[in-house]
Amino acid sequence: MRYAAFLRAINVGRTNRVQMASLRELCLGLGFEQVATYLQSGNLVFDAEEEEHAVAAKLEAGLARAGLKRTHPVVRAREELRALTQSRPFSGYEGPETRQFVTLFRDRLPDGAATFVSGHGFEITGVREREVFWVVEAGRERGVDVNGMLEKKLRMPGTTRYWHVVEAVAAL
């Protein structure tokens, strides 16, 4: 099955520094096939025989053995990711005045995830089973830690990507 994986905290600051060629080699060593990366921030696509949760666990263990900590891989089957990109979660927010983001979670979100308060420099535009979609005013994205706020409220780790990055990974 073809999967996409989004790794948390890769090449951010001084921690978890890894070249994408090394990351691809690590994944090949785990038995994944047709491995490709997108950008330098831990976006992967690959083929694997295992189910999604087993792939995430295997990837996380391999990354930890390589010294990459708290990467909490979020894995999606290609079909699910493509369906996600077709869902139009930013209807009404497509203009240049906003930046669109999605925070992806490994597990199903708890009831009430949609009640997260917007207004701290961002706005939640939608919630699915394992994703929260949000926008921020263009130019203000670096000053807003929505990922941290969501993790604190939901008590589960996630990883955030610009929406255009998720669309690009889905197209690989």
N, C-alpha and C. Protein backbone atom coordinates (compact mmCIF):
# COMPACT_ATOMS: atom_id res chain seq x y z
N MET A 1 0.85 -1.16 0.00
CA MET A 1 0.00 0.00 0.00
C MET A 1 0.90 1.23 0.00
N ARG A 2 0.47 2.29 -0.64
CA ARG A 2 1.20 3.55 -0.69
C ARG A 2 0.77 4.41 0.48
N TYR A 3 1.76 4.94 1.21
CA TYR A 3 1.50 5.76 2.38
C TYR A 3 2.23 7.10 2.28
N ALA A 4 1.72 8.06 3.01
CA ALA A 4 2.43 9.31 3.27
C ALA A 4 2.63 9.38 4.78
N ALA A 5 3.78 9.88 5.18
CA ALA A 5 4.06 10.07 6.61
C ALA A 5 4.55 11.50 6.81
N PHE A 6 4.05 12.11 7.85
CA PHE A 6 4.44 13.47 8.23
C PHE A 6 5.10 13.37 9.59
N LEU A 7 6.38 13.70 9.63
CA LEU A 7 7.16 13.58 10.86
C LEU A 7 7.19 14.92 11.58
N ARG A 8 7.09 14.85 12.87
CA ARG A 8 7.10 16.05 13.70
C ARG A 8 8.54 16.42 14.06
N ALA A 9 8.82 17.71 14.10
CA ALA A 9 10.07 18.25 14.64
C ALA A 9 11.31 17.80 13.88
N ILE A 10 11.22 17.66 12.57
CA ILE A 10 12.38 17.32 11.76
C ILE A 10 12.98 18.60 11.19
N ASN A 11 14.28 18.78 11.40
CA ASN A 11 15.02 19.93 10.89
C ASN A 11 14.43 21.26 11.34
N VAL A 12 13.94 21.28 12.58
CA VAL A 12 13.43 22.51 13.18
C VAL A 12 14.40 22.89 14.29
N GLY A 13 15.00 24.04 14.17
CA GLY A 13 15.98 24.44 15.18
C GLY A 13 17.20 23.54 15.13
N ARG A 14 17.73 23.22 16.29
CA ARG A 14 18.96 22.42 16.37
C ARG A 14 18.72 20.94 16.60
N THR A 15 17.48 20.55 16.77
CA THR A 15 17.20 19.15 17.09
C THR A 15 16.72 18.40 15.86
N ASN A 16 16.87 17.10 15.90
CA ASN A 16 16.37 16.20 14.86
C ASN A 16 16.82 16.61 13.45
N ARG A 17 18.08 16.96 13.33
CA ARG A 17 18.64 17.34 12.03
C ARG A 17 18.93 16.06 11.24
N VAL A 18 18.44 15.99 10.02
CA VAL A 18 18.67 14.83 9.18
C VAL A 18 18.56 15.25 7.71
N GLN A 19 19.47 14.75 6.91
CA GLN A 19 19.38 14.97 5.47
C GLN A 19 18.32 14.03 4.91
N MET A 20 17.63 14.48 3.88
CA MET A 20 16.55 13.68 3.32
C MET A 20 17.09 12.39 2.69
N ALA A 21 18.30 12.41 2.15
CA ALA A 21 18.88 11.17 1.62
C ALA A 21 19.06 10.15 2.74
N SER A 22 19.49 10.59 3.90
CA SER A 22 19.64 9.69 5.05
C SER A 22 18.29 9.18 5.53
N LEU A 23 17.28 10.04 5.50
CA LEU A 23 15.94 9.63 5.90
C LEU A 23 15.38 8.58 4.93
N ARG A 24 15.63 8.78 3.65
CA ARG A 24 15.18 7.78 2.67
C ARG A 24 15.89 6.44 2.90
N GLU A 25 17.19 6.48 3.17
CA GLU A 25 17.94 5.25 3.44
C GLU A 25 17.42 4.54 4.69
N LEU A 26 17.12 5.32 5.72
CA LEU A 26 16.58 4.74 6.94
C LEU A 26 15.27 4.00 6.64
N CYS A 27 14.41 4.62 5.85
CA CYS A 27 13.12 4.00 5.52
C CYS A 27 13.31 2.75 4.66
N LEU A 28 14.24 2.79 3.74
CA LEU A 28 14.53 1.59 2.95
C LEU A 28 15.02 0.47 3.85
N GLY A 29 15.83 0.82 4.85
CA GLY A 29 16.32 -0.16 5.81
C GLY A 29 15.23 -0.76 6.67
N LEU A 30 14.11 -0.07 6.80
CA LEU A 30 12.97 -0.58 7.55
C LEU A 30 12.09 -1.50 6.70
N GLY A 31 12.45 -1.62 5.42
CA GLY A 31 11.68 -2.48 4.53
C GLY A 31 10.67 -1.74 3.68
N PHE A 32 10.60 -0.42 3.79
CA PHE A 32 9.69 0.35 2.96
C PHE A 32 10.29 0.43 1.55
N GLU A 33 9.44 0.59 0.56
CA GLU A 33 9.88 0.65 -0.84
C GLU A 33 9.41 1.93 -1.50
N GLN A 34 10.05 2.27 -2.61
CA GLN A 34 9.67 3.44 -3.39
C GLN A 34 9.58 4.69 -2.50
N VAL A 35 10.62 4.91 -1.70
CA VAL A 35 10.63 6.00 -0.72
C VAL A 35 11.00 7.31 -1.41
N ALA A 36 10.22 8.34 -1.13
CA ALA A 36 10.51 9.69 -1.62
C ALA A 36 10.25 10.68 -0.48
N THR A 37 10.95 11.80 -0.54
CA THR A 37 10.74 12.86 0.45
C THR A 37 10.30 14.12 -0.27
N TYR A 38 9.67 15.01 0.49
CA TYR A 38 9.25 16.30 -0.05
C TYR A 38 9.70 17.38 0.92
N LEU A 39 10.45 18.32 0.43
CA LEU A 39 11.06 19.39 1.22
C LEU A 39 12.02 18.79 2.25
N GLN A 40 12.44 19.56 3.21
CA GLN A 40 13.43 19.13 4.21
C GLN A 40 12.81 18.98 5.59
N SER A 41 11.50 18.81 5.66
CA SER A 41 10.83 18.86 6.96
C SER A 41 10.11 17.57 7.35
N GLY A 42 10.56 16.44 6.82
CA GLY A 42 10.00 15.17 7.27
C GLY A 42 8.69 14.78 6.63
N ASN A 43 8.56 14.99 5.34
CA ASN A 43 7.39 14.55 4.59
C ASN A 43 7.84 13.40 3.70
N LEU A 44 7.23 12.24 3.88
CA LEU A 44 7.64 11.03 3.18
C LEU A 44 6.47 10.40 2.43
N VAL A 45 6.79 9.71 1.36
CA VAL A 45 5.85 8.78 0.73
C VAL A 45 6.60 7.49 0.47
N PHE A 46 5.92 6.37 0.61
CA PHE A 46 6.57 5.07 0.45
C PHE A 46 5.52 3.98 0.36
N ASP A 47 5.97 2.81 -0.04
CA ASP A 47 5.13 1.62 -0.07
C ASP A 47 5.50 0.74 1.12
N ALA A 48 4.49 0.15 1.75
CA ALA A 48 4.71 -0.77 2.87
C ALA A 48 3.59 -1.80 2.88
N GLU A 49 3.91 -2.98 3.39
CA GLU A 49 2.94 -4.07 3.45
C GLU A 49 2.03 -3.98 4.68
N GLU A 50 2.53 -3.40 5.77
CA GLU A 50 1.81 -3.38 7.04
C GLU A 50 0.64 -2.39 7.02
N GLU A 51 -0.21 -2.52 8.03
CA GLU A 51 -1.32 -1.59 8.23
C GLU A 51 -0.77 -0.26 8.77
N GLU A 52 -1.58 0.76 8.69
CA GLU A 52 -1.17 2.12 9.03
C GLU A 52 -0.53 2.26 10.42
N HIS A 53 -1.18 1.75 11.46
CA HIS A 53 -0.63 1.91 12.81
C HIS A 53 0.69 1.16 12.98
N ALA A 54 0.80 -0.01 12.34
CA ALA A 54 2.06 -0.76 12.41
C ALA A 54 3.17 -0.01 11.67
N VAL A 55 2.84 0.61 10.55
CA VAL A 55 3.82 1.40 9.80
C VAL A 55 4.30 2.57 10.66
N ALA A 56 3.37 3.26 11.30
CA ALA A 56 3.75 4.41 12.16
C ALA A 56 4.65 3.97 13.30
N ALA A 57 4.32 2.85 13.94
CA ALA A 57 5.13 2.35 15.05
C ALA A 57 6.52 1.93 14.58
N LYS A 58 6.58 1.26 13.46
CA LYS A 58 7.86 0.81 12.91
C LYS A 58 8.73 2.01 12.53
N LEU A 59 8.13 3.00 11.91
CA LEU A 59 8.85 4.20 11.51
C LEU A 59 9.35 4.97 12.73
N GLU A 60 8.49 5.12 13.73
CA GLU A 60 8.87 5.84 14.94
C GLU A 60 10.03 5.14 15.66
N ALA A 61 9.98 3.82 15.75
CA ALA A 61 11.06 3.07 16.40
C ALA A 61 12.36 3.20 15.62
N GLY A 62 12.30 3.13 14.30
CA GLY A 62 13.50 3.28 13.48
C GLY A 62 14.11 4.67 13.60
N LEU A 63 13.27 5.68 13.64
CA LEU A 63 13.75 7.05 13.80
C LEU A 63 14.40 7.24 15.16
N ALA A 64 13.80 6.66 16.19
CA ALA A 64 14.37 6.77 17.55
C ALA A 64 15.73 6.09 17.62
N ARG A 65 15.86 4.92 16.99
CA ARG A 65 17.16 4.23 16.97
C ARG A 65 18.22 5.08 16.26
N ALA A 66 17.79 5.91 15.31
CA ALA A 66 18.71 6.78 14.58
C ALA A 66 18.97 8.09 15.33
N GLY A 67 18.40 8.23 16.53
CA GLY A 67 18.63 9.43 17.34
C GLY A 67 17.65 10.56 17.11
N LEU A 68 16.60 10.31 16.34
CA LEU A 68 15.58 11.33 16.08
C LEU A 68 14.44 11.12 17.08
N LYS A 69 14.24 12.08 17.95
CA LYS A 69 13.31 11.93 19.07
C LYS A 69 12.00 12.69 18.84
N ARG A 70 10.94 12.17 19.45
CA ARG A 70 9.62 12.80 19.46
C ARG A 70 9.14 13.17 18.05
N THR A 71 9.38 12.29 17.09
CA THR A 71 8.96 12.56 15.71
C THR A 71 7.49 12.24 15.48
N HIS A 72 6.93 11.40 16.32
CA HIS A 72 5.52 11.00 16.27
C HIS A 72 4.96 10.99 14.84
N PRO A 73 5.39 10.04 14.01
CA PRO A 73 4.93 10.00 12.63
C PRO A 73 3.40 9.88 12.52
N VAL A 74 2.84 10.72 11.68
CA VAL A 74 1.42 10.63 11.34
C VAL A 74 1.37 10.04 9.94
N VAL A 75 0.74 8.89 9.82
CA VAL A 75 0.72 8.15 8.56
C VAL A 75 -0.70 8.14 8.00
N ARG A 76 -0.79 8.34 6.68
CA ARG A 76 -2.07 8.26 5.98
C ARG A 76 -1.89 7.42 4.72
N ALA A 77 -2.86 6.56 4.44
CA ALA A 77 -2.89 5.87 3.16
C ALA A 77 -3.08 6.92 2.07
N ARG A 78 -2.47 6.69 0.92
CA ARG A 78 -2.54 7.67 -0.17
C ARG A 78 -3.98 8.02 -0.53
N GLU A 79 -4.86 7.01 -0.57
CA GLU A 79 -6.25 7.28 -0.94
C GLU A 79 -6.92 8.20 0.08
N GLU A 80 -6.65 7.97 1.36
CA GLU A 80 -7.23 8.83 2.39
C GLU A 80 -6.69 10.25 2.27
N LEU A 81 -5.41 10.38 2.03
CA LEU A 81 -4.80 11.71 1.90
C LEU A 81 -5.36 12.44 0.68
N ARG A 82 -5.52 11.74 -0.41
CA ARG A 82 -6.09 12.38 -1.60
C ARG A 82 -7.53 12.80 -1.36
N ALA A 83 -8.30 11.99 -0.68
CA ALA A 83 -9.68 12.37 -0.34
C ALA A 83 -9.68 13.59 0.57
N LEU A 84 -8.75 13.64 1.49
CA LEU A 84 -8.63 14.79 2.38
C LEU A 84 -8.39 16.07 1.59
N THR A 85 -7.50 16.00 0.61
CA THR A 85 -7.19 17.21 -0.17
C THR A 85 -8.34 17.65 -1.06
N GLN A 86 -9.29 16.76 -1.31
CA GLN A 86 -10.47 17.11 -2.11
C GLN A 86 -11.62 17.64 -1.26
N SER A 87 -11.46 17.66 0.05
CA SER A 87 -12.56 18.00 0.96
C SER A 87 -12.87 19.49 1.06
N ARG A 88 -12.05 20.34 0.50
CA ARG A 88 -12.24 21.80 0.49
C ARG A 88 -12.47 22.38 1.89
N PRO A 89 -11.56 22.16 2.82
CA PRO A 89 -11.75 22.64 4.19
C PRO A 89 -11.54 24.13 4.38
N PHE A 90 -11.10 24.81 3.33
CA PHE A 90 -10.81 26.25 3.46
C PHE A 90 -11.72 27.10 2.59
N SER A 91 -12.92 26.60 2.31
CA SER A 91 -13.87 27.35 1.52
C SER A 91 -14.11 28.71 2.16
N GLY A 92 -13.90 29.76 1.38
CA GLY A 92 -14.05 31.12 1.88
C GLY A 92 -12.77 31.72 2.43
N TYR A 93 -11.69 30.93 2.48
CA TYR A 93 -10.40 31.41 3.00
C TYR A 93 -9.27 31.19 2.00
N GLU A 94 -9.58 31.18 0.71
CA GLU A 94 -8.58 30.86 -0.30
C GLU A 94 -7.72 32.04 -0.74
N GLY A 95 -8.02 33.24 -0.32
CA GLY A 95 -7.31 34.41 -0.80
C GLY A 95 -5.91 34.57 -0.24
N PRO A 96 -5.18 35.52 -0.78
CA PRO A 96 -3.79 35.76 -0.35
C PRO A 96 -3.67 36.37 1.04
N GLU A 97 -4.78 36.77 1.63
CA GLU A 97 -4.73 37.39 2.96
C GLU A 97 -4.62 36.39 4.10
N THR A 98 -4.77 35.10 3.78
CA THR A 98 -4.64 34.07 4.82
C THR A 98 -3.67 32.98 4.40
N ARG A 99 -3.14 32.30 5.39
CA ARG A 99 -2.33 31.10 5.18
C ARG A 99 -3.11 29.93 5.76
N GLN A 100 -3.20 28.85 4.99
CA GLN A 100 -3.98 27.69 5.39
C GLN A 100 -3.06 26.60 5.95
N PHE A 101 -3.50 26.00 7.06
CA PHE A 101 -2.74 24.95 7.72
C PHE A 101 -3.66 23.79 8.08
N VAL A 102 -3.05 22.62 8.26
CA VAL A 102 -3.75 21.47 8.81
C VAL A 102 -2.86 20.86 9.88
N THR A 103 -3.45 20.55 11.02
CA THR A 103 -2.75 19.80 12.05
C THR A 103 -3.28 18.38 11.99
N LEU A 104 -2.36 17.45 11.75
CA LEU A 104 -2.70 16.04 11.57
C LEU A 104 -2.38 15.29 12.85
N PHE A 105 -3.28 14.38 13.21
CA PHE A 105 -3.12 13.55 14.41
C PHE A 105 -3.12 12.09 13.99
N ARG A 106 -2.42 11.27 14.74
CA ARG A 106 -2.35 9.84 14.44
C ARG A 106 -3.67 9.16 14.76
N ASP A 107 -4.27 9.55 15.87
CA ASP A 107 -5.49 8.89 16.34
C ASP A 107 -6.70 9.79 16.14
N ARG A 108 -7.86 9.17 16.27
CA ARG A 108 -9.14 9.88 16.15
C ARG A 108 -9.22 10.97 17.23
N LEU A 109 -9.71 12.12 16.84
CA LEU A 109 -9.87 13.23 17.77
C LEU A 109 -11.02 12.96 18.73
N PRO A 110 -10.90 13.44 19.97
CA PRO A 110 -11.99 13.24 20.93
C PRO A 110 -13.19 14.11 20.58
N ASP A 111 -14.33 13.73 21.11
CA ASP A 111 -15.52 14.56 20.94
C ASP A 111 -15.23 15.95 21.48
N GLY A 112 -15.76 16.95 20.83
CA GLY A 112 -15.55 18.32 21.28
C GLY A 112 -14.33 19.00 20.70
N ALA A 113 -13.60 18.32 19.84
CA ALA A 113 -12.41 18.92 19.25
C ALA A 113 -12.75 20.18 18.47
N ALA A 114 -13.96 20.23 17.93
CA ALA A 114 -14.37 21.39 17.14
C ALA A 114 -14.68 22.60 17.99
N THR A 115 -14.74 22.44 19.32
CA THR A 115 -15.08 23.57 20.17
C THR A 115 -13.86 24.38 20.58
N PHE A 116 -12.71 24.07 20.02
CA PHE A 116 -11.50 24.83 20.34
C PHE A 116 -11.72 26.30 19.99
N VAL A 117 -11.33 27.17 20.86
CA VAL A 117 -11.59 28.59 20.69
C VAL A 117 -10.63 29.20 19.67
N SER A 118 -11.20 29.83 18.65
CA SER A 118 -10.41 30.61 17.72
C SER A 118 -10.24 32.00 18.31
N GLY A 119 -9.42 32.80 17.67
CA GLY A 119 -9.33 34.19 18.08
C GLY A 119 -8.00 34.60 18.67
N HIS A 120 -7.06 33.69 18.82
CA HIS A 120 -5.73 34.03 19.31
C HIS A 120 -4.80 34.23 18.12
N GLY A 121 -5.29 34.91 17.10
CA GLY A 121 -4.51 35.14 15.89
C GLY A 121 -4.77 34.10 14.82
N PHE A 122 -5.71 33.20 15.04
CA PHE A 122 -6.03 32.16 14.06
C PHE A 122 -7.52 31.87 14.12
N GLU A 123 -7.99 31.10 13.13
CA GLU A 123 -9.39 30.67 13.12
C GLU A 123 -9.47 29.22 12.64
N ILE A 124 -10.16 28.40 13.39
CA ILE A 124 -10.41 27.02 13.00
C ILE A 124 -11.47 27.05 11.90
N THR A 125 -11.18 26.39 10.77
CA THR A 125 -12.14 26.37 9.67
C THR A 125 -12.86 25.03 9.54
N GLY A 126 -12.35 24.00 10.22
CA GLY A 126 -13.01 22.71 10.15
C GLY A 126 -12.24 21.65 10.91
N VAL A 127 -12.95 20.57 11.20
CA VAL A 127 -12.37 19.42 11.91
C VAL A 127 -12.89 18.16 11.24
N ARG A 128 -11.99 17.21 11.02
CA ARG A 128 -12.38 15.87 10.56
C ARG A 128 -12.00 14.88 11.64
N GLU A 129 -12.06 13.61 11.33
CA GLU A 129 -11.76 12.58 12.33
C GLU A 129 -10.39 12.73 12.96
N ARG A 130 -9.37 13.08 12.15
CA ARG A 130 -8.00 13.14 12.66
C ARG A 130 -7.26 14.39 12.21
N GLU A 131 -7.99 15.42 11.82
CA GLU A 131 -7.38 16.65 11.34
C GLU A 131 -8.13 17.88 11.84
N VAL A 132 -7.36 18.94 12.09
CA VAL A 132 -7.93 20.24 12.40
C VAL A 132 -7.38 21.22 11.36
N PHE A 133 -8.28 21.92 10.70
CA PHE A 133 -7.92 22.89 9.66
C PHE A 133 -8.03 24.29 10.25
N TRP A 134 -7.05 25.12 9.95
CA TRP A 134 -7.08 26.47 10.50
C TRP A 134 -6.35 27.44 9.59
N VAL A 135 -6.67 28.72 9.76
CA VAL A 135 -6.04 29.78 8.98
C VAL A 135 -5.50 30.84 9.92
N VAL A 136 -4.53 31.55 9.41
CA VAL A 136 -3.96 32.68 10.13
C VAL A 136 -3.74 33.79 9.10
N GLU A 137 -3.81 35.00 9.56
CA GLU A 137 -3.59 36.15 8.69
C GLU A 137 -2.18 36.08 8.11
N ALA A 138 -2.07 36.33 6.80
CA ALA A 138 -0.77 36.29 6.13
C ALA A 138 0.22 37.19 6.86
N GLY A 139 1.41 36.67 7.08
CA GLY A 139 2.46 37.42 7.77
C GLY A 139 2.49 37.21 9.27
N ARG A 140 1.45 36.58 9.83
CA ARG A 140 1.40 36.37 11.28
C ARG A 140 1.61 34.92 11.67
N GLU A 141 1.87 34.05 10.68
CA GLU A 141 1.93 32.62 10.97
C GLU A 141 3.04 32.23 11.94
N ARG A 142 4.14 32.94 11.98
CA ARG A 142 5.23 32.57 12.88
C ARG A 142 4.94 32.92 14.33
N GLY A 143 4.01 33.79 14.58
CA GLY A 143 3.71 34.20 15.94
C GLY A 143 2.59 33.44 16.62
N VAL A 144 2.06 32.40 15.94
CA VAL A 144 0.92 31.67 16.46
C VAL A 144 1.29 30.19 16.59
N ASP A 145 1.19 29.64 17.80
CA ASP A 145 1.51 28.23 18.03
C ASP A 145 0.22 27.43 18.20
N VAL A 146 -0.50 27.27 17.11
CA VAL A 146 -1.76 26.54 17.16
C VAL A 146 -1.50 25.06 17.45
N ASN A 147 -0.43 24.51 16.89
CA ASN A 147 -0.10 23.10 17.16
C ASN A 147 0.03 22.88 18.66
N GLY A 148 0.76 23.74 19.34
CA GLY A 148 0.92 23.62 20.78
C GLY A 148 -0.39 23.76 21.53
N MET A 149 -1.21 24.71 21.10
CA MET A 149 -2.51 24.91 21.75
C MET A 149 -3.42 23.69 21.56
N LEU A 150 -3.42 23.14 20.34
CA LEU A 150 -4.24 21.96 20.07
C LEU A 150 -3.76 20.76 20.89
N GLU A 151 -2.46 20.56 20.93
CA GLU A 151 -1.93 19.43 21.71
C GLU A 151 -2.30 19.55 23.18
N LYS A 152 -2.22 20.76 23.71
CA LYS A 152 -2.55 20.96 25.12
C LYS A 152 -4.03 20.69 25.37
N LYS A 153 -4.90 21.20 24.51
CA LYS A 153 -6.34 21.00 24.70
C LYS A 153 -6.74 19.55 24.47
N LEU A 154 -6.22 18.95 23.40
CA LEU A 154 -6.64 17.60 23.02
C LEU A 154 -5.85 16.50 23.71
N ARG A 155 -4.75 16.87 24.34
CA ARG A 155 -3.88 15.92 25.06
C ARG A 155 -3.38 14.79 24.15
N MET A 156 -2.99 15.18 22.94
CA MET A 156 -2.42 14.23 22.00
C MET A 156 -1.50 14.97 21.04
N PRO A 157 -0.37 14.34 20.67
CA PRO A 157 0.57 15.02 19.77
C PRO A 157 0.07 15.05 18.34
N GLY A 158 0.38 16.14 17.67
CA GLY A 158 0.05 16.29 16.27
C GLY A 158 1.20 16.94 15.54
N THR A 159 1.07 17.08 14.26
CA THR A 159 2.06 17.79 13.47
C THR A 159 1.34 18.66 12.47
N THR A 160 1.84 19.88 12.29
CA THR A 160 1.18 20.87 11.45
C THR A 160 1.94 21.08 10.16
N ARG A 161 1.19 21.23 9.07
CA ARG A 161 1.76 21.51 7.76
C ARG A 161 0.95 22.61 7.09
N TYR A 162 1.65 23.40 6.26
CA TYR A 162 0.93 24.26 5.33
C TYR A 162 0.07 23.36 4.46
N TRP A 163 -1.12 23.81 4.13
CA TRP A 163 -2.04 23.03 3.34
C TRP A 163 -1.44 22.69 1.97
N HIS A 164 -0.73 23.63 1.35
CA HIS A 164 -0.16 23.36 0.02
C HIS A 164 0.89 22.25 0.08
N VAL A 165 1.54 22.06 1.22
CA VAL A 165 2.51 20.97 1.37
C VAL A 165 1.77 19.63 1.39
N VAL A 166 0.67 19.55 2.11
CA VAL A 166 -0.13 18.31 2.16
C VAL A 166 -0.66 17.99 0.76
N GLU A 167 -1.10 18.99 0.03
CA GLU A 167 -1.57 18.76 -1.33
C GLU A 167 -0.44 18.23 -2.21
N ALA A 168 0.75 18.78 -2.08
CA ALA A 168 1.90 18.33 -2.87
C ALA A 168 2.28 16.90 -2.53
N VAL A 169 2.28 16.56 -1.24
CA VAL A 169 2.62 15.20 -0.82
C VAL A 169 1.57 14.23 -1.35
N ALA A 170 0.32 14.60 -1.32
CA ALA A 170 -0.75 13.72 -1.83
C ALA A 170 -0.59 13.46 -3.32
N ALA A 171 0.00 14.40 -4.03
CA ALA A 171 0.19 14.25 -5.47
C ALA A 171 1.41 13.42 -5.84
N LEU A 172 2.30 13.14 -4.88
CA LEU A 172 3.51 12.35 -5.18
C LEU A 172 3.18 10.91 -5.52
